[in-house]
């Protein structure tokens, strides 16, 4: 992730949950909040309801890789928290990537043009 870093602290997650806007689709929920930096910070949350640790880690990797490969299309200066829903457990890379991009467009932080 060239333009981003990870959200790690619980306090940061809570700030995004409280002050951010959320949108959801079948597989993911995305909370977005402006952070005042020149980079995005990405946080990923996968509940135990989704599956065991192997499944949860796989979903985390899929979301992180989907974001990494389309990162240049996301506007910068946001904290983004992605929550994986139980319906995503059986899904592959393409479905997760599609859901992530769809939610980015709904939040108006995803552009097709490079450099915006």
PDB file of N, CA and C in Angstrom:
ATOM      1  N   UNK A   1       0.835  -1.173   0.000  1.00  0.00           N
ATOM      2  CA  UNK A   1       0.000   0.000   0.000  1.00  0.00           C
ATOM      3  C   UNK A   1       0.884   1.242   0.000  1.00  0.00           C
ATOM      4  N   UNK A   2       1.037   1.846  -1.177  1.00  0.00           N
ATOM      5  CA  UNK A   2       1.935   2.982  -1.323  1.00  0.00           C
ATOM      6  C   UNK A   2       1.416   4.244  -0.656  1.00  0.00           C
ATOM      7  N   UNK A   3       0.106   4.488  -0.797  1.00  0.00           N
ATOM      8  CA  UNK A   3      -0.459   5.756  -0.353  1.00  0.00           C
ATOM      9  C   UNK A   3      -1.182   5.627   0.980  1.00  0.00           C
ATOM     10  N   UNK A   4      -1.126   4.465   1.589  1.00  0.00           N
ATOM     11  CA  UNK A   4      -1.948   4.215   2.763  1.00  0.00           C
ATOM     12  C   UNK A   4      -1.158   3.539   3.859  1.00  0.00           C
ATOM     13  N   UNK A   5      -1.766   3.558   5.031  1.00  0.00           N
ATOM     14  CA  UNK A   5      -1.243   2.780   6.150  1.00  0.00           C
ATOM     15  C   UNK A   5      -2.432   2.120   6.831  1.00  0.00           C
ATOM     16  N   UNK A   6      -2.166   1.335   7.847  1.00  0.00           N
ATOM     17  CA  UNK A   6      -3.232   0.603   8.525  1.00  0.00           C
ATOM     18  C   UNK A   6      -3.727   1.358   9.747  1.00  0.00           C
ATOM     19  N   UNK A   7      -5.017   1.213  10.004  1.00  0.00           N
ATOM     20  CA  UNK A   7      -5.583   1.664  11.282  1.00  0.00           C
ATOM     21  C   UNK A   7      -5.347   0.521  12.258  1.00  0.00           C
ATOM     22  N   UNK A   8      -4.778   0.823  13.407  1.00  0.00           N
ATOM     23  CA  UNK A   8      -4.467  -0.252  14.342  1.00  0.00           C
ATOM     24  C   UNK A   8      -5.113  -0.070  15.709  1.00  0.00           C
ATOM     25  N   UNK A   9      -5.245   1.170  16.147  1.00  0.00           N
ATOM     26  CA  UNK A   9      -5.724   1.416  17.503  1.00  0.00           C
ATOM     27  C   UNK A   9      -7.248   1.390  17.583  1.00  0.00           C
ATOM     28  N   UNK A  10      -7.748   0.807  18.642  1.00  0.00           N
ATOM     29  CA  UNK A  10      -9.185   0.733  18.871  1.00  0.00           C
ATOM     30  C   UNK A  10      -9.811   2.122  18.867  1.00  0.00           C
ATOM     31  N   UNK A  11      -9.108   3.094  19.436  1.00  0.00           N
ATOM     32  CA  UNK A  11      -9.604   4.469  19.489  1.00  0.00           C
ATOM     33  C   UNK A  11      -9.852   5.013  18.081  1.00  0.00           C
ATOM     34  N   UNK A  12      -8.950   4.709  17.147  1.00  0.00           N
ATOM     35  CA  UNK A  12      -9.112   5.172  15.767  1.00  0.00           C
ATOM     36  C   UNK A  12     -10.329   4.525  15.110  1.00  0.00           C
ATOM     37  N   UNK A  13     -10.507   3.217  15.345  1.00  0.00           N
ATOM     38  CA  UNK A  13     -11.684   2.522  14.818  1.00  0.00           C
ATOM     39  C   UNK A  13     -12.959   3.154  15.379  1.00  0.00           C
ATOM     40  N   UNK A  14     -12.976   3.411  16.691  1.00  0.00           N
ATOM     41  CA  UNK A  14     -14.165   3.981  17.329  1.00  0.00           C
ATOM     42  C   UNK A  14     -14.487   5.376  16.779  1.00  0.00           C
ATOM     43  N   UNK A  15     -13.458   6.176  16.521  1.00  0.00           N
ATOM     44  CA  UNK A  15     -13.680   7.504  15.936  1.00  0.00           C
ATOM     45  C   UNK A  15     -14.334   7.405  14.571  1.00  0.00           C
ATOM     46  N   UNK A  16     -13.895   6.452  13.762  1.00  0.00           N
ATOM     47  CA  UNK A  16     -14.480   6.276  12.431  1.00  0.00           C
ATOM     48  C   UNK A  16     -15.923   5.784  12.559  1.00  0.00           C
ATOM     49  N   UNK A  17     -16.180   4.853  13.487  1.00  0.00           N
ATOM     50  CA  UNK A  17     -17.543   4.356  13.674  1.00  0.00           C
ATOM     51  C   UNK A  17     -18.481   5.480  14.106  1.00  0.00           C
ATOM     52  N   UNK A  18     -18.011   6.342  15.017  1.00  0.00           N
ATOM     53  CA  UNK A  18     -18.877   7.389  15.561  1.00  0.00           C
ATOM     54  C   UNK A  18     -19.080   8.547  14.594  1.00  0.00           C
ATOM     55  N   UNK A  19     -18.000   9.029  13.987  1.00  0.00           N
ATOM     56  CA  UNK A  19     -18.083  10.245  13.177  1.00  0.00           C
ATOM     57  C   UNK A  19     -18.145   9.984  11.674  1.00  0.00           C
ATOM     58  N   UNK A  20     -17.919   8.739  11.259  1.00  0.00           N
ATOM     59  CA  UNK A  20     -17.900   8.441   9.835  1.00  0.00           C
ATOM     60  C   UNK A  20     -19.272   8.106   9.290  1.00  0.00           C
ATOM     61  N   UNK A  21     -19.342   8.027   7.969  1.00  0.00           N
ATOM     62  CA  UNK A  21     -20.572   7.620   7.299  1.00  0.00           C
ATOM     63  C   UNK A  21     -20.411   6.177   6.853  1.00  0.00           C
ATOM     64  N   UNK A  22     -21.499   5.399   6.924  1.00  0.00           N
ATOM     65  CA  UNK A  22     -21.397   3.996   6.545  1.00  0.00           C
ATOM     66  C   UNK A  22     -22.325   3.684   5.387  1.00  0.00           C
ATOM     67  N   UNK A  23     -21.869   2.756   4.571  1.00  0.00           N
ATOM     68  CA  UNK A  23     -22.673   2.196   3.487  1.00  0.00           C
ATOM     69  C   UNK A  23     -22.346   0.709   3.449  1.00  0.00           C
ATOM     70  N   UNK A  24     -23.304  -0.069   2.942  1.00  0.00           N
ATOM     71  CA  UNK A  24     -23.111  -1.514   2.967  1.00  0.00           C
ATOM     72  C   UNK A  24     -23.644  -2.144   1.690  1.00  0.00           C
ATOM     73  N   UNK A  25     -23.111  -3.314   1.380  1.00  0.00           N
ATOM     74  CA  UNK A  25     -23.706  -4.178   0.369  1.00  0.00           C
ATOM     75  C   UNK A  25     -23.751  -5.590   0.944  1.00  0.00           C
ATOM     76  N   UNK A  26     -23.933  -6.579   0.101  1.00  0.00           N
ATOM     77  CA  UNK A  26     -24.112  -7.943   0.610  1.00  0.00           C
ATOM     78  C   UNK A  26     -22.911  -8.491   1.353  1.00  0.00           C
ATOM     79  N   UNK A  27     -21.707  -8.059   0.965  1.00  0.00           N
ATOM     80  CA  UNK A  27     -20.500  -8.685   1.499  1.00  0.00           C
ATOM     81  C   UNK A  27     -19.709  -7.804   2.470  1.00  0.00           C
ATOM     82  N   UNK A  28     -19.790  -6.492   2.296  1.00  0.00           N
ATOM     83  CA  UNK A  28     -18.952  -5.594   3.092  1.00  0.00           C
ATOM     84  C   UNK A  28     -19.763  -4.413   3.618  1.00  0.00           C
ATOM     85  N   UNK A  29     -19.278  -3.840   4.722  1.00  0.00           N
ATOM     86  CA  UNK A  29     -19.761  -2.553   5.224  1.00  0.00           C
ATOM     87  C   UNK A  29     -18.543  -1.640   5.242  1.00  0.00           C
ATOM     88  N   UNK A  30     -18.703  -0.404   4.746  1.00  0.00           N
ATOM     89  CA  UNK A  30     -17.576   0.522   4.707  1.00  0.00           C
ATOM     90  C   UNK A  30     -17.939   1.805   5.458  1.00  0.00           C
ATOM     91  N   UNK A  31     -17.090   2.152   6.430  1.00  0.00           N
ATOM     92  CA  UNK A  31     -17.196   3.423   7.140  1.00  0.00           C
ATOM     93  C   UNK A  31     -16.080   4.322   6.619  1.00  0.00           C
ATOM     94  N   UNK A  32     -16.421   5.585   6.348  1.00  0.00           N
ATOM     95  CA  UNK A  32     -15.430   6.526   5.824  1.00  0.00           C
ATOM     96  C   UNK A  32     -15.514   7.826   6.615  1.00  0.00           C
ATOM     97  N   UNK A  33     -14.337   8.367   6.936  1.00  0.00           N
ATOM     98  CA  UNK A  33     -14.241   9.630   7.670  1.00  0.00           C
ATOM     99  C   UNK A  33     -12.988  10.354   7.207  1.00  0.00           C
ATOM    100  N   UNK A  34     -13.079  11.649   7.001  1.00  0.00           N
ATOM    101  CA  UNK A  34     -11.884  12.427   6.629  1.00  0.00           C
ATOM    102  C   UNK A  34     -10.898  12.433   7.791  1.00  0.00           C
ATOM    103  N   UNK A  35      -9.596  12.333   7.452  1.00  0.00           N
ATOM    104  CA  UNK A  35      -8.600  12.265   8.522  1.00  0.00           C
ATOM    105  C   UNK A  35      -7.631  13.446   8.557  1.00  0.00           C
ATOM    106  N   UNK A  36      -7.652  14.307   7.536  1.00  0.00           N
ATOM    107  CA  UNK A  36      -6.777  15.478   7.541  1.00  0.00           C
ATOM    108  C   UNK A  36      -5.340  15.203   7.147  1.00  0.00           C
ATOM    109  N   UNK A  37      -5.030  13.994   6.715  1.00  0.00           N
ATOM    110  CA  UNK A  37      -3.687  13.646   6.253  1.00  0.00           C
ATOM    111  C   UNK A  37      -3.697  13.569   4.732  1.00  0.00           C
ATOM    112  N   UNK A  38      -2.518  13.398   4.147  1.00  0.00           N
ATOM    113  CA  UNK A  38      -2.403  13.241   2.692  1.00  0.00           C
ATOM    114  C   UNK A  38      -2.455  11.775   2.280  1.00  0.00           C
ATOM    115  N   UNK A  39      -2.850  10.910   3.182  1.00  0.00           N
ATOM    116  CA  UNK A  39      -2.905   9.476   2.873  1.00  0.00           C
ATOM    117  C   UNK A  39      -4.149   8.877   3.521  1.00  0.00           C
ATOM    118  N   UNK A  40      -4.509   7.724   3.027  1.00  0.00           N
ATOM    119  CA  UNK A  40      -5.623   6.996   3.625  1.00  0.00           C
ATOM    120  C   UNK A  40      -5.099   6.067   4.702  1.00  0.00           C
ATOM    121  N   UNK A  41      -5.979   5.739   5.636  1.00  0.00           N
ATOM    122  CA  UNK A  41      -5.666   4.717   6.628  1.00  0.00           C
ATOM    123  C   UNK A  41      -6.783   3.683   6.536  1.00  0.00           C
ATOM    124  N   UNK A  42      -6.395   2.429   6.348  1.00  0.00           N
ATOM    125  CA  UNK A  42      -7.357   1.349   6.138  1.00  0.00           C
ATOM    126  C   UNK A  42      -7.397   0.442   7.363  1.00  0.00           C
ATOM    127  N   UNK A  43      -8.605   0.171   7.845  1.00  0.00           N
ATOM    128  CA  UNK A  43      -8.815  -0.779   8.927  1.00  0.00           C
ATOM    129  C   UNK A  43      -9.764  -1.854   8.447  1.00  0.00           C
ATOM    130  N   UNK A  44      -9.499  -3.087   8.806  1.00  0.00           N
ATOM    131  CA  UNK A  44     -10.335  -4.208   8.387  1.00  0.00           C
ATOM    132  C   UNK A  44     -10.795  -4.955   9.623  1.00  0.00           C
ATOM    133  N   UNK A  45     -12.090  -5.239   9.690  1.00  0.00           N
ATOM    134  CA  UNK A  45     -12.665  -5.934  10.827  1.00  0.00           C
ATOM    135  C   UNK A  45     -13.425  -7.159  10.331  1.00  0.00           C
ATOM    136  N   UNK A  46     -13.093  -8.313  10.916  1.00  0.00           N
ATOM    137  CA  UNK A  46     -13.778  -9.558  10.561  1.00  0.00           C
ATOM    138  C   UNK A  46     -14.209 -10.239  11.854  1.00  0.00           C
ATOM    139  N   UNK A  47     -15.513 -10.376  12.032  1.00  0.00           N
ATOM    140  CA  UNK A  47     -16.072 -10.957  13.252  1.00  0.00           C
ATOM    141  C   UNK A  47     -15.856 -12.471  13.308  1.00  0.00           C
ATOM    142  N   UNK A  48     -15.907 -13.017  14.508  1.00  0.00           N
ATOM    143  CA  UNK A  48     -15.823 -14.473  14.669  1.00  0.00           C
ATOM    144  C   UNK A  48     -17.015 -15.179  14.041  1.00  0.00           C
ATOM    145  N   UNK A  49     -18.115 -14.451  13.830  1.00  0.00           N
ATOM    146  CA  UNK A  49     -19.289 -15.036  13.184  1.00  0.00           C
ATOM    147  C   UNK A  49     -18.990 -15.446  11.745  1.00  0.00           C
ATOM    148  N   UNK A  50     -17.992 -14.797  11.132  1.00  0.00           N
ATOM    149  CA  UNK A  50     -17.649 -15.091   9.741  1.00  0.00           C
ATOM    150  C   UNK A  50     -17.031 -16.479   9.617  1.00  0.00           C
ATOM    151  N   UNK A  51     -16.254 -16.890  10.599  1.00  0.00           N
ATOM    152  CA  UNK A  51     -15.631 -18.211  10.535  1.00  0.00           C
ATOM    153  C   UNK A  51     -14.467 -18.315  11.502  1.00  0.00           C
ATOM    154  N   UNK A  52     -13.743 -19.414  11.351  1.00  0.00           N
ATOM    155  CA  UNK A  52     -12.589 -19.614  12.230  1.00  0.00           C
ATOM    156  C   UNK A  52     -11.433 -18.697  11.812  1.00  0.00           C
ATOM    157  N   UNK A  53     -10.320 -18.788  12.490  1.00  0.00           N
ATOM    158  CA  UNK A  53      -9.223 -17.846  12.264  1.00  0.00           C
ATOM    159  C   UNK A  53      -8.672 -17.940  10.843  1.00  0.00           C
ATOM    160  N   UNK A  54      -8.682 -19.125  10.257  1.00  0.00           N
ATOM    161  CA  UNK A  54      -8.185 -19.292   8.891  1.00  0.00           C
ATOM    162  C   UNK A  54      -9.074 -18.511   7.923  1.00  0.00           C
ATOM    163  N   UNK A  55     -10.375 -18.645   8.075  1.00  0.00           N
ATOM    164  CA  UNK A  55     -11.329 -17.945   7.208  1.00  0.00           C
ATOM    165  C   UNK A  55     -11.233 -16.440   7.421  1.00  0.00           C
ATOM    166  N   UNK A  56     -11.175 -16.004   8.671  1.00  0.00           N
ATOM    167  CA  UNK A  56     -11.096 -14.574   8.964  1.00  0.00           C
ATOM    168  C   UNK A  56      -9.826 -13.958   8.388  1.00  0.00           C
ATOM    169  N   UNK A  57      -8.708 -14.662   8.523  1.00  0.00           N
ATOM    170  CA  UNK A  57      -7.448 -14.151   7.990  1.00  0.00           C
ATOM    171  C   UNK A  57      -7.490 -14.093   6.462  1.00  0.00           C
ATOM    172  N   UNK A  58      -8.092 -15.095   5.840  1.00  0.00           N
ATOM    173  CA  UNK A  58      -8.236 -15.110   4.378  1.00  0.00           C
ATOM    174  C   UNK A  58      -9.051 -13.907   3.910  1.00  0.00           C
ATOM    175  N   UNK A  59     -10.140 -13.610   4.602  1.00  0.00           N
ATOM    176  CA  UNK A  59     -10.972 -12.475   4.224  1.00  0.00           C
ATOM    177  C   UNK A  59     -10.211 -11.159   4.400  1.00  0.00           C
ATOM    178  N   UNK A  60      -9.430 -11.057   5.456  1.00  0.00           N
ATOM    179  CA  UNK A  60      -8.611  -9.867   5.672  1.00  0.00           C
ATOM    180  C   UNK A  60      -7.627  -9.683   4.529  1.00  0.00           C
ATOM    181  N   UNK A  61      -6.973 -10.766   4.124  1.00  0.00           N
ATOM    182  CA  UNK A  61      -6.018 -10.690   3.010  1.00  0.00           C
ATOM    183  C   UNK A  61      -6.702 -10.292   1.713  1.00  0.00           C
ATOM    184  N   UNK A  62      -7.899 -10.843   1.460  1.00  0.00           N
ATOM    185  CA  UNK A  62      -8.628 -10.502   0.235  1.00  0.00           C
ATOM    186  C   UNK A  62      -8.990  -9.016   0.192  1.00  0.00           C
ATOM    187  N   UNK A  63      -9.499  -8.498   1.294  1.00  0.00           N
ATOM    188  CA  UNK A  63      -9.869  -7.075   1.339  1.00  0.00           C
ATOM    189  C   UNK A  63      -8.627  -6.207   1.172  1.00  0.00           C
ATOM    190  N   UNK A  64      -7.553  -6.532   1.889  1.00  0.00           N
ATOM    191  CA  UNK A  64      -6.328  -5.724   1.816  1.00  0.00           C
ATOM    192  C   UNK A  64      -5.746  -5.737   0.405  1.00  0.00           C
ATOM    193  N   UNK A  65      -5.730  -6.892  -0.237  1.00  0.00           N
ATOM    194  CA  UNK A  65      -5.186  -6.998  -1.591  1.00  0.00           C
ATOM    195  C   UNK A  65      -6.088  -6.273  -2.593  1.00  0.00           C
ATOM    196  N   UNK A  66      -7.393  -6.379  -2.434  1.00  0.00           N
ATOM    197  CA  UNK A  66      -8.328  -5.670  -3.316  1.00  0.00           C
ATOM    198  C   UNK A  66      -8.095  -4.167  -3.215  1.00  0.00           C
ATOM    199  N   UNK A  67      -7.929  -3.685  -1.997  1.00  0.00           N
ATOM    200  CA  UNK A  67      -7.675  -2.256  -1.807  1.00  0.00           C
ATOM    201  C   UNK A  67      -6.313  -1.877  -2.378  1.00  0.00           C
ATOM    202  N   UNK A  68      -5.310  -2.675  -2.117  1.00  0.00           N
ATOM    203  CA  UNK A  68      -3.951  -2.357  -2.570  1.00  0.00           C
ATOM    204  C   UNK A  68      -3.893  -2.196  -4.090  1.00  0.00           C
ATOM    205  N   UNK A  69      -4.570  -3.096  -4.805  1.00  0.00           N
ATOM    206  CA  UNK A  69      -4.495  -3.061  -6.263  1.00  0.00           C
ATOM    207  C   UNK A  69      -5.333  -1.944  -6.880  1.00  0.00           C
ATOM    208  N   UNK A  70      -6.314  -1.434  -6.160  1.00  0.00           N
ATOM    209  CA  UNK A  70      -7.125  -0.339  -6.704  1.00  0.00           C
ATOM    210  C   UNK A  70      -6.908   0.960  -5.930  1.00  0.00           C
ATOM    211  N   UNK A  71      -5.863   0.988  -5.116  1.00  0.00           N
ATOM    212  CA  UNK A  71      -5.600   2.101  -4.211  1.00  0.00           C
ATOM    213  C   UNK A  71      -5.416   3.437  -4.929  1.00  0.00           C
ATOM    214  N   UNK A  72      -4.801   3.427  -6.102  1.00  0.00           N
ATOM    215  CA  UNK A  72      -4.549   4.684  -6.803  1.00  0.00           C
ATOM    216  C   UNK A  72      -5.836   5.373  -7.260  1.00  0.00           C
ATOM    217  N   UNK A  73      -6.935   4.642  -7.284  1.00  0.00           N
ATOM    218  CA  UNK A  73      -8.226   5.214  -7.686  1.00  0.00           C
ATOM    219  C   UNK A  73      -8.988   5.834  -6.508  1.00  0.00           C
ATOM    220  N   UNK A  74      -8.564   5.542  -5.287  1.00  0.00           N
ATOM    221  CA  UNK A  74      -9.242   6.092  -4.108  1.00  0.00           C
ATOM    222  C   UNK A  74      -8.697   7.484  -3.806  1.00  0.00           C
ATOM    223  N   UNK A  75      -9.592   8.424  -3.511  1.00  0.00           N
ATOM    224  CA  UNK A  75      -9.165   9.754  -3.088  1.00  0.00           C
ATOM    225  C   UNK A  75      -8.443   9.629  -1.761  1.00  0.00           C
ATOM    226  N   UNK A  76      -7.468  10.525  -1.545  1.00  0.00           N
ATOM    227  CA  UNK A  76      -6.653  10.451  -0.330  1.00  0.00           C
ATOM    228  C   UNK A  76      -7.182  11.383   0.752  1.00  0.00           C
ATOM    229  N   UNK A  77      -6.842  11.047   2.003  1.00  0.00           N
ATOM    230  CA  UNK A  77      -7.231  11.881   3.128  1.00  0.00           C
ATOM    231  C   UNK A  77      -8.397  11.319   3.919  1.00  0.00           C
ATOM    232  N   UNK A  78      -8.556   9.993   3.898  1.00  0.00           N
ATOM    233  CA  UNK A  78      -9.688   9.362   4.575  1.00  0.00           C
ATOM    234  C   UNK A  78      -9.236   8.203   5.458  1.00  0.00           C
ATOM    235  N   UNK A  79      -9.981   8.014   6.547  1.00  0.00           N
ATOM    236  CA  UNK A  79      -9.888   6.779   7.324  1.00  0.00           C
ATOM    237  C   UNK A  79     -11.011   5.891   6.807  1.00  0.00           C
ATOM    238  N   UNK A  80     -10.657   4.672   6.428  1.00  0.00           N
ATOM    239  CA  UNK A  80     -11.630   3.739   5.867  1.00  0.00           C
ATOM    240  C   UNK A  80     -11.617   2.483   6.727  1.00  0.00           C
ATOM    241  N   UNK A  81     -12.784   2.095   7.235  1.00  0.00           N
ATOM    242  CA  UNK A  81     -12.908   0.840   7.969  1.00  0.00           C
ATOM    243  C   UNK A  81     -13.839  -0.057   7.168  1.00  0.00           C
ATOM    244  N   UNK A  82     -13.356  -1.249   6.840  1.00  0.00           N
ATOM    245  CA  UNK A  82     -14.137  -2.226   6.092  1.00  0.00           C
ATOM    246  C   UNK A  82     -14.487  -3.366   7.032  1.00  0.00           C
ATOM    247  N   UNK A  83     -15.777  -3.658   7.136  1.00  0.00           N
ATOM    248  CA  UNK A  83     -16.244  -4.772   7.957  1.00  0.00           C
ATOM    249  C   UNK A  83     -16.739  -5.851   7.021  1.00  0.00           C
ATOM    250  N   UNK A  84     -16.219  -7.054   7.200  1.00  0.00           N
ATOM    251  CA  UNK A  84     -16.610  -8.180   6.363  1.00  0.00           C
ATOM    252  C   UNK A  84     -17.860  -8.832   6.948  1.00  0.00           C
ATOM    253  N   UNK A  85     -18.874  -9.028   6.113  1.00  0.00           N
ATOM    254  CA  UNK A  85     -20.118  -9.657   6.555  1.00  0.00           C
ATOM    255  C   UNK A  85     -20.032 -11.172   6.349  1.00  0.00           C
ATOM    256  N   UNK A  86     -20.914 -11.892   7.038  1.00  0.00           N
ATOM    257  CA  UNK A  86     -20.860 -13.362   6.978  1.00  0.00           C
ATOM    258  C   UNK A  86     -21.101 -13.897   5.569  1.00  0.00           C
ATOM    259  N   UNK A  87     -21.844 -13.182   4.736  1.00  0.00           N
ATOM    260  CA  UNK A  87     -22.111 -13.633   3.372  1.00  0.00           C
ATOM    261  C   UNK A  87     -20.878 -13.686   2.494  1.00  0.00           C
ATOM    262  N   UNK A  88     -19.818 -13.019   2.895  1.00  0.00           N
ATOM    263  CA  UNK A  88     -18.596 -12.955   2.095  1.00  0.00           C
ATOM    264  C   UNK A  88     -17.695 -14.167   2.291  1.00  0.00           C
ATOM    265  N   UNK A  89     -18.015 -14.992   3.267  1.00  0.00           N
ATOM    266  CA  UNK A  89     -17.131 -16.098   3.656  1.00  0.00           C
ATOM    267  C   UNK A  89     -16.769 -17.023   2.493  1.00  0.00           C
ATOM    268  N   UNK A  90     -17.728 -17.319   1.630  1.00  0.00           N
ATOM    269  CA  UNK A  90     -17.503 -18.254   0.526  1.00  0.00           C
ATOM    270  C   UNK A  90     -17.010 -17.566  -0.743  1.00  0.00           C
ATOM    271  N   UNK A  91     -16.922 -16.249  -0.742  1.00  0.00           N
ATOM    272  CA  UNK A  91     -16.638 -15.500  -1.961  1.00  0.00           C
ATOM    273  C   UNK A  91     -15.150 -15.399  -2.234  1.00  0.00           C
ATOM    274  N   UNK A  92     -14.845 -15.166  -3.509  1.00  0.00           N
ATOM    275  CA  UNK A  92     -13.461 -15.057  -3.940  1.00  0.00           C
ATOM    276  C   UNK A  92     -13.035 -13.618  -4.139  1.00  0.00           C
ATOM    277  N   UNK A  93     -11.862 -13.476  -4.716  1.00  0.00           N
ATOM    278  CA  UNK A  93     -11.251 -12.159  -4.883  1.00  0.00           C
ATOM    279  C   UNK A  93     -12.126 -11.215  -5.703  1.00  0.00           C
ATOM    280  N   UNK A  94     -12.655 -11.687  -6.829  1.00  0.00           N
ATOM    281  CA  UNK A  94     -13.420 -10.818  -7.732  1.00  0.00           C
ATOM    282  C   UNK A  94     -14.639 -10.207  -7.054  1.00  0.00           C
ATOM    283  N   UNK A  95     -15.376 -11.014  -6.288  1.00  0.00           N
ATOM    284  CA  UNK A  95     -16.575 -10.507  -5.613  1.00  0.00           C
ATOM    285  C   UNK A  95     -16.220  -9.475  -4.543  1.00  0.00           C
ATOM    286  N   UNK A  96     -15.137  -9.749  -3.797  1.00  0.00           N
ATOM    287  CA  UNK A  96     -14.713  -8.824  -2.746  1.00  0.00           C
ATOM    288  C   UNK A  96     -14.210  -7.515  -3.366  1.00  0.00           C
ATOM    289  N   UNK A  97     -13.431  -7.615  -4.425  1.00  0.00           N
ATOM    290  CA  UNK A  97     -12.942  -6.417  -5.104  1.00  0.00           C
ATOM    291  C   UNK A  97     -14.106  -5.592  -5.641  1.00  0.00           C
ATOM    292  N   UNK A  98     -15.061  -6.248  -6.248  1.00  0.00           N
ATOM    293  CA  UNK A  98     -16.226  -5.566  -6.794  1.00  0.00           C
ATOM    294  C   UNK A  98     -17.019  -4.850  -5.695  1.00  0.00           C
ATOM    295  N   UNK A  99     -17.202  -5.514  -4.562  1.00  0.00           N
ATOM    296  CA  UNK A  99     -17.927  -4.914  -3.442  1.00  0.00           C
ATOM    297  C   UNK A  99     -17.172  -3.697  -2.894  1.00  0.00           C
ATOM    298  N   UNK A 100     -15.850  -3.808  -2.778  1.00  0.00           N
ATOM    299  CA  UNK A 100     -15.040  -2.703  -2.263  1.00  0.00           C
ATOM    300  C   UNK A 100     -15.122  -1.481  -3.182  1.00  0.00           C
ATOM    301  N   UNK A 101     -15.010  -1.703  -4.477  1.00  0.00           N
ATOM    302  CA  UNK A 101     -15.085  -0.610  -5.451  1.00  0.00           C
ATOM    303  C   UNK A 101     -16.487  -0.002  -5.453  1.00  0.00           C
ATOM    304  N   UNK A 102     -17.518  -0.846  -5.398  1.00  0.00           N
ATOM    305  CA  UNK A 102     -18.896  -0.361  -5.362  1.00  0.00           C
ATOM    306  C   UNK A 102     -19.121   0.560  -4.166  1.00  0.00           C
ATOM    307  N   UNK A 103     -18.656   0.149  -2.992  1.00  0.00           N
ATOM    308  CA  UNK A 103     -18.824   0.978  -1.798  1.00  0.00           C
ATOM    309  C   UNK A 103     -18.004   2.269  -1.888  1.00  0.00           C
ATOM    310  N   UNK A 104     -16.817   2.189  -2.485  1.00  0.00           N
ATOM    311  CA  UNK A 104     -16.012   3.395  -2.699  1.00  0.00           C
ATOM    312  C   UNK A 104     -16.739   4.395  -3.584  1.00  0.00           C
ATOM    313  N   UNK A 105     -17.417   3.904  -4.614  1.00  0.00           N
ATOM    314  CA  UNK A 105     -18.193   4.791  -5.497  1.00  0.00           C
ATOM    315  C   UNK A 105     -19.383   5.386  -4.754  1.00  0.00           C
ATOM    316  N   UNK A 106     -20.052   4.600  -3.918  1.00  0.00           N
ATOM    317  CA  UNK A 106     -21.182   5.117  -3.152  1.00  0.00           C
ATOM    318  C   UNK A 106     -20.752   6.240  -2.213  1.00  0.00           C
ATOM    319  N   UNK A 107     -19.566   6.092  -1.633  1.00  0.00           N
ATOM    320  CA  UNK A 107     -19.031   7.122  -0.724  1.00  0.00           C
ATOM    321  C   UNK A 107     -18.410   8.286  -1.491  1.00  0.00           C
ATOM    322  N   UNK A 108     -18.326   8.153  -2.818  1.00  0.00           N
ATOM    323  CA  UNK A 108     -17.720   9.179  -3.686  1.00  0.00           C
ATOM    324  C   UNK A 108     -16.233   9.396  -3.366  1.00  0.00           C
ATOM    325  N   UNK A 109     -15.549   8.325  -3.014  1.00  0.00           N
ATOM    326  CA  UNK A 109     -14.101   8.417  -2.794  1.00  0.00           C
ATOM    327  C   UNK A 109     -13.336   7.583  -3.816  1.00  0.00           C
ATOM    328  N   UNK A 110     -14.059   6.982  -4.764  1.00  0.00           N
ATOM    329  CA  UNK A 110     -13.411   6.151  -5.790  1.00  0.00           C
ATOM    330  C   UNK A 110     -13.567   6.824  -7.142  1.00  0.00           C
ATOM    331  N   UNK A 111     -12.442   7.047  -7.824  1.00  0.00           N
ATOM    332  CA  UNK A 111     -12.438   7.638  -9.165  1.00  0.00           C
ATOM    333  C   UNK A 111     -11.791   6.677 -10.130  1.00  0.00           C
ATOM    334  N   UNK A 112     -12.253   6.679 -11.353  1.00  0.00           N
ATOM    335  CA  UNK A 112     -11.642   5.826 -12.369  1.00  0.00           C
ATOM    336  C   UNK A 112     -10.320   6.396 -12.872  1.00  0.00           C
ATOM    337  N   UNK A 113     -10.182   7.718 -12.825  1.00  0.00           N
ATOM    338  CA  UNK A 113      -8.979   8.346 -13.342  1.00  0.00           C
ATOM    339  C   UNK A 113      -7.834   8.220 -12.344  1.00  0.00           C
ATOM    340  N   UNK A 114      -6.657   7.956 -12.864  1.00  0.00           N
ATOM    341  CA  UNK A 114      -5.456   7.876 -12.024  1.00  0.00           C
ATOM    342  C   UNK A 114      -4.978   9.284 -11.721  1.00  0.00           C
ATOM    343  N   UNK A 115      -4.599   9.534 -10.488  1.00  0.00           N
ATOM    344  CA  UNK A 115      -4.036  10.809 -10.093  1.00  0.00           C
ATOM    345  C   UNK A 115      -5.029  11.773  -9.465  1.00  0.00           C
ATOM    346  N   UNK A 116      -6.298  11.413  -9.397  1.00  0.00           N
ATOM    347  CA  UNK A 116      -7.302  12.298  -8.754  1.00  0.00           C
ATOM    348  C   UNK A 116      -7.403  12.035  -7.289  1.00  0.00           C
TER     349      UNK A 116
END
